[in-house]
Amino acid sequence: MNDKTLLLRQVHPTFFQDGLLTSQAFMPFPKDNGQLSVYDGDQATPEQSFVHYTVDFGFLSAGVWAVTSGECGNIGLSSHPDPIEGSPAHAYIDFGSRAEKDCRKLAKRLKELALSRDRLHPL
């Protein structure tokens, strides 16, 4: 991964309402321990990540949006490859142990960055 690596986020339909992406799409859940799951764009295309997530895992996705590793760094977040069994392209954006209020602000910023390149799949 480098600063230009796309971090591909699958967005649950709940977080894409009336054609609008919500910042919840980029907010880690408490069970995530501050780690927001993404796909490493150096390892998978937006389409491959979507198929893997929806077909192989059987999860719901309204589509794929992305930020870059460099964009994360610019707002104080780090990103890391994290290959796991069944998902070699798995990575995460590390929110650390920030307060929920700070995570919400960062999630909003990630959403804005993702919207600047629009949905990557399906088009």
C-alpha atoms as a PDB file:
ATOM      1  CA  MET A   1       0.000   0.000   0.000  1.00  0.00           C
ATOM      2  CA  ASN A   2       1.091   3.549  -0.707  1.00  0.00           C
ATOM      3  CA  ASP A   3      -0.472   7.018  -0.448  1.00  0.00           C
ATOM      4  CA  LYS A   4      -2.359   6.532  -3.739  1.00  0.00           C
ATOM      5  CA  THR A   5      -3.810   3.146  -2.786  1.00  0.00           C
ATOM      6  CA  LEU A   6      -7.598   3.182  -2.921  1.00  0.00           C
ATOM      7  CA  LEU A   7      -9.234   1.847   0.223  1.00  0.00           C
ATOM      8  CA  LEU A   8     -12.477   0.345  -1.020  1.00  0.00           C
ATOM      9  CA  ARG A   9     -15.416   0.544   1.359  1.00  0.00           C
ATOM     10  CA  GLN A  10     -18.552  -1.558   0.913  1.00  0.00           C
ATOM     11  CA  VAL A  11     -21.540   0.501   1.981  1.00  0.00           C
ATOM     12  CA  HIS A  12     -24.532  -1.234   3.513  1.00  0.00           C
ATOM     13  CA  PRO A  13     -27.844  -0.062   1.971  1.00  0.00           C
ATOM     14  CA  THR A  14     -28.824   1.391   5.366  1.00  0.00           C
ATOM     15  CA  PHE A  15     -26.045   3.959   4.921  1.00  0.00           C
ATOM     16  CA  PHE A  16     -27.128   4.953   1.399  1.00  0.00           C
ATOM     17  CA  GLN A  17     -30.568   6.452   1.834  1.00  0.00           C
ATOM     18  CA  ASP A  18     -32.553   8.189  -0.902  1.00  0.00           C
ATOM     19  CA  GLY A  19     -29.446   8.194  -3.083  1.00  0.00           C
ATOM     20  CA  LEU A  20     -27.349   9.889  -0.414  1.00  0.00           C
ATOM     21  CA  LEU A  21     -24.282   8.439   1.274  1.00  0.00           C
ATOM     22  CA  THR A  22     -24.254   8.919   5.045  1.00  0.00           C
ATOM     23  CA  SER A  23     -21.129   9.329   7.141  1.00  0.00           C
ATOM     24  CA  GLN A  24     -22.161   6.191   9.067  1.00  0.00           C
ATOM     25  CA  ALA A  25     -20.698   4.287   6.109  1.00  0.00           C
ATOM     26  CA  PHE A  26     -17.243   5.336   7.351  1.00  0.00           C
ATOM     27  CA  MET A  27     -17.807   4.952  11.072  1.00  0.00           C
ATOM     28  CA  PRO A  28     -16.395   1.892  12.813  1.00  0.00           C
ATOM     29  CA  PHE A  29     -18.826   0.004  15.031  1.00  0.00           C
ATOM     30  CA  PRO A  30     -17.882  -0.590  18.686  1.00  0.00           C
ATOM     31  CA  LYS A  31     -17.152  -4.256  17.876  1.00  0.00           C
ATOM     32  CA  ASP A  32     -14.550  -3.109  15.311  1.00  0.00           C
ATOM     33  CA  ASN A  33     -12.158  -1.803  17.984  1.00  0.00           C
ATOM     34  CA  GLY A  34     -11.532   1.338  15.962  1.00  0.00           C
ATOM     35  CA  GLN A  35     -10.690  -0.546  12.772  1.00  0.00           C
ATOM     36  CA  LEU A  36     -12.871   0.208   9.737  1.00  0.00           C
ATOM     37  CA  SER A  37     -12.722  -2.688   7.258  1.00  0.00           C
ATOM     38  CA  VAL A  38     -11.877  -1.880   3.653  1.00  0.00           C
ATOM     39  CA  TYR A  39     -10.412  -3.655   0.663  1.00  0.00           C
ATOM     40  CA  ASP A  40      -6.858  -2.848  -0.422  1.00  0.00           C
ATOM     41  CA  GLY A  41      -7.270  -1.391  -3.909  1.00  0.00           C
ATOM     42  CA  ASP A  42      -3.804  -2.658  -4.855  1.00  0.00           C
ATOM     43  CA  GLN A  43      -5.128  -6.191  -4.343  1.00  0.00           C
ATOM     44  CA  ALA A  44      -8.685  -5.925  -5.693  1.00  0.00           C
ATOM     45  CA  THR A  45     -10.655  -3.734  -8.082  1.00  0.00           C
ATOM     46  CA  PRO A  46     -13.889  -2.104  -6.943  1.00  0.00           C
ATOM     47  CA  GLU A  47     -15.841  -4.725  -8.920  1.00  0.00           C
ATOM     48  CA  GLN A  48     -13.841  -7.633  -7.464  1.00  0.00           C
ATOM     49  CA  SER A  49     -14.331  -6.323  -3.938  1.00  0.00           C
ATOM     50  CA  PHE A  50     -18.077  -5.917  -4.523  1.00  0.00           C
ATOM     51  CA  VAL A  51     -18.432  -9.470  -5.869  1.00  0.00           C
ATOM     52  CA  HIS A  52     -16.327 -10.880  -3.042  1.00  0.00           C
ATOM     53  CA  TYR A  53     -18.407  -9.074  -0.428  1.00  0.00           C
ATOM     54  CA  THR A  54     -21.848  -9.741  -1.894  1.00  0.00           C
ATOM     55  CA  VAL A  55     -21.443 -13.143  -3.566  1.00  0.00           C
ATOM     56  CA  ASP A  56     -18.656 -14.882  -1.658  1.00  0.00           C
ATOM     57  CA  PHE A  57     -19.635 -13.531   1.768  1.00  0.00           C
ATOM     58  CA  GLY A  58     -23.342 -12.997   0.992  1.00  0.00           C
ATOM     59  CA  PHE A  59     -23.454  -9.518   2.547  1.00  0.00           C
ATOM     60  CA  LEU A  60     -25.491  -6.557   1.294  1.00  0.00           C
ATOM     61  CA  SER A  61     -23.784  -3.605  -0.372  1.00  0.00           C
ATOM     62  CA  ALA A  62     -25.222  -0.507  -2.028  1.00  0.00           C
ATOM     63  CA  GLY A  63     -21.868  -0.064  -3.720  1.00  0.00           C
ATOM     64  CA  VAL A  64     -18.205   0.731  -3.338  1.00  0.00           C
ATOM     65  CA  TRP A  65     -16.806   4.120  -2.393  1.00  0.00           C
ATOM     66  CA  ALA A  66     -13.152   4.835  -1.696  1.00  0.00           C
ATOM     67  CA  VAL A  67     -10.630   7.085  -0.059  1.00  0.00           C
ATOM     68  CA  THR A  68      -6.881   6.828  -0.476  1.00  0.00           C
ATOM     69  CA  SER A  69      -4.363   5.853   2.121  1.00  0.00           C
ATOM     70  CA  GLY A  70      -2.809   9.303   1.706  1.00  0.00           C
ATOM     71  CA  GLU A  71      -6.141  11.034   2.321  1.00  0.00           C
ATOM     72  CA  CYS A  72      -6.484   9.059   5.539  1.00  0.00           C
ATOM     73  CA  GLY A  73      -3.019  10.158   6.590  1.00  0.00           C
ATOM     74  CA  ASN A  74      -3.851  13.784   5.825  1.00  0.00           C
ATOM     75  CA  ILE A  75      -6.681  13.725   8.372  1.00  0.00           C
ATOM     76  CA  GLY A  76      -4.713  11.831  11.027  1.00  0.00           C
ATOM     77  CA  LEU A  77      -5.793   8.241  10.323  1.00  0.00           C
ATOM     78  CA  SER A  78      -3.562   5.370   9.316  1.00  0.00           C
ATOM     79  CA  SER A  79      -4.398   2.425   7.099  1.00  0.00           C
ATOM     80  CA  HIS A  80      -2.947  -1.056   7.110  1.00  0.00           C
ATOM     81  CA  PRO A  81      -3.111  -4.221   5.024  1.00  0.00           C
ATOM     82  CA  ASP A  82      -4.717  -6.991   7.048  1.00  0.00           C
ATOM     83  CA  PRO A  83      -5.122 -10.112   4.909  1.00  0.00           C
ATOM     84  CA  ILE A  84      -7.371 -12.660   6.581  1.00  0.00           C
ATOM     85  CA  GLU A  85      -8.445 -16.147   5.612  1.00  0.00           C
ATOM     86  CA  GLY A  86     -10.908 -15.905   2.742  1.00  0.00           C
ATOM     87  CA  SER A  87     -10.115 -12.224   2.210  1.00  0.00           C
ATOM     88  CA  PRO A  88      -6.498 -11.621   1.189  1.00  0.00           C
ATOM     89  CA  ALA A  89      -7.293  -8.026   0.129  1.00  0.00           C
ATOM     90  CA  HIS A  90      -8.676  -7.085   3.565  1.00  0.00           C
ATOM     91  CA  ALA A  91      -7.277  -3.902   5.088  1.00  0.00           C
ATOM     92  CA  TYR A  92      -8.447  -1.389   7.649  1.00  0.00           C
ATOM     93  CA  ILE A  93      -8.487   2.292   8.447  1.00  0.00           C
ATOM     94  CA  ASP A  94      -7.367   2.737  12.038  1.00  0.00           C
ATOM     95  CA  PHE A  95      -9.404   5.166  14.127  1.00  0.00           C
ATOM     96  CA  GLY A  96      -7.563   4.011  17.248  1.00  0.00           C
ATOM     97  CA  SER A  97      -9.205   4.685  20.575  1.00  0.00           C
ATOM     98  CA  ARG A  98     -10.603   8.107  19.733  1.00  0.00           C
ATOM     99  CA  ALA A  99     -13.771   9.365  21.376  1.00  0.00           C
ATOM    100  CA  GLU A 100     -16.997   8.710  19.464  1.00  0.00           C
ATOM    101  CA  LYS A 101     -17.409  12.446  18.805  1.00  0.00           C
ATOM    102  CA  ASP A 102     -14.001  12.566  17.105  1.00  0.00           C
ATOM    103  CA  CYS A 103     -14.758   9.402  15.115  1.00  0.00           C
ATOM    104  CA  ARG A 104     -17.974  10.978  13.826  1.00  0.00           C
ATOM    105  CA  LYS A 105     -16.047  14.035  12.596  1.00  0.00           C
ATOM    106  CA  LEU A 106     -13.470  11.834  10.866  1.00  0.00           C
ATOM    107  CA  ALA A 107     -16.191   9.648   9.326  1.00  0.00           C
ATOM    108  CA  LYS A 108     -17.832  12.779   7.924  1.00  0.00           C
ATOM    109  CA  ARG A 109     -14.522  13.855   6.399  1.00  0.00           C
ATOM    110  CA  LEU A 110     -13.988  10.380   4.875  1.00  0.00           C
ATOM    111  CA  LYS A 111     -17.479  10.528   3.394  1.00  0.00           C
ATOM    112  CA  GLU A 112     -16.712  13.895   1.790  1.00  0.00           C
ATOM    113  CA  LEU A 113     -13.466  12.540   0.335  1.00  0.00           C
ATOM    114  CA  ALA A 114     -15.244   9.435  -0.987  1.00  0.00           C
ATOM    115  CA  LEU A 115     -17.983  11.520  -2.561  1.00  0.00           C
ATOM    116  CA  SER A 116     -15.368  13.540  -4.420  1.00  0.00           C
ATOM    117  CA  ARG A 117     -14.667  10.448  -6.555  1.00  0.00           C
ATOM    118  CA  ASP A 118     -18.272   9.157  -6.513  1.00  0.00           C
ATOM    119  CA  ARG A 119     -19.360   5.519  -6.326  1.00  0.00           C
ATOM    120  CA  LEU A 120     -16.833   3.252  -8.009  1.00  0.00           C
ATOM    121  CA  HIS A 121     -19.065   0.187  -8.428  1.00  0.00           C
ATOM    122  CA  PRO A 122     -21.689  -0.448  -9.598  1.00  0.00           C
ATOM    123  CA  LEU A 123     -21.688   2.572 -11.855  1.00  0.00           C
END
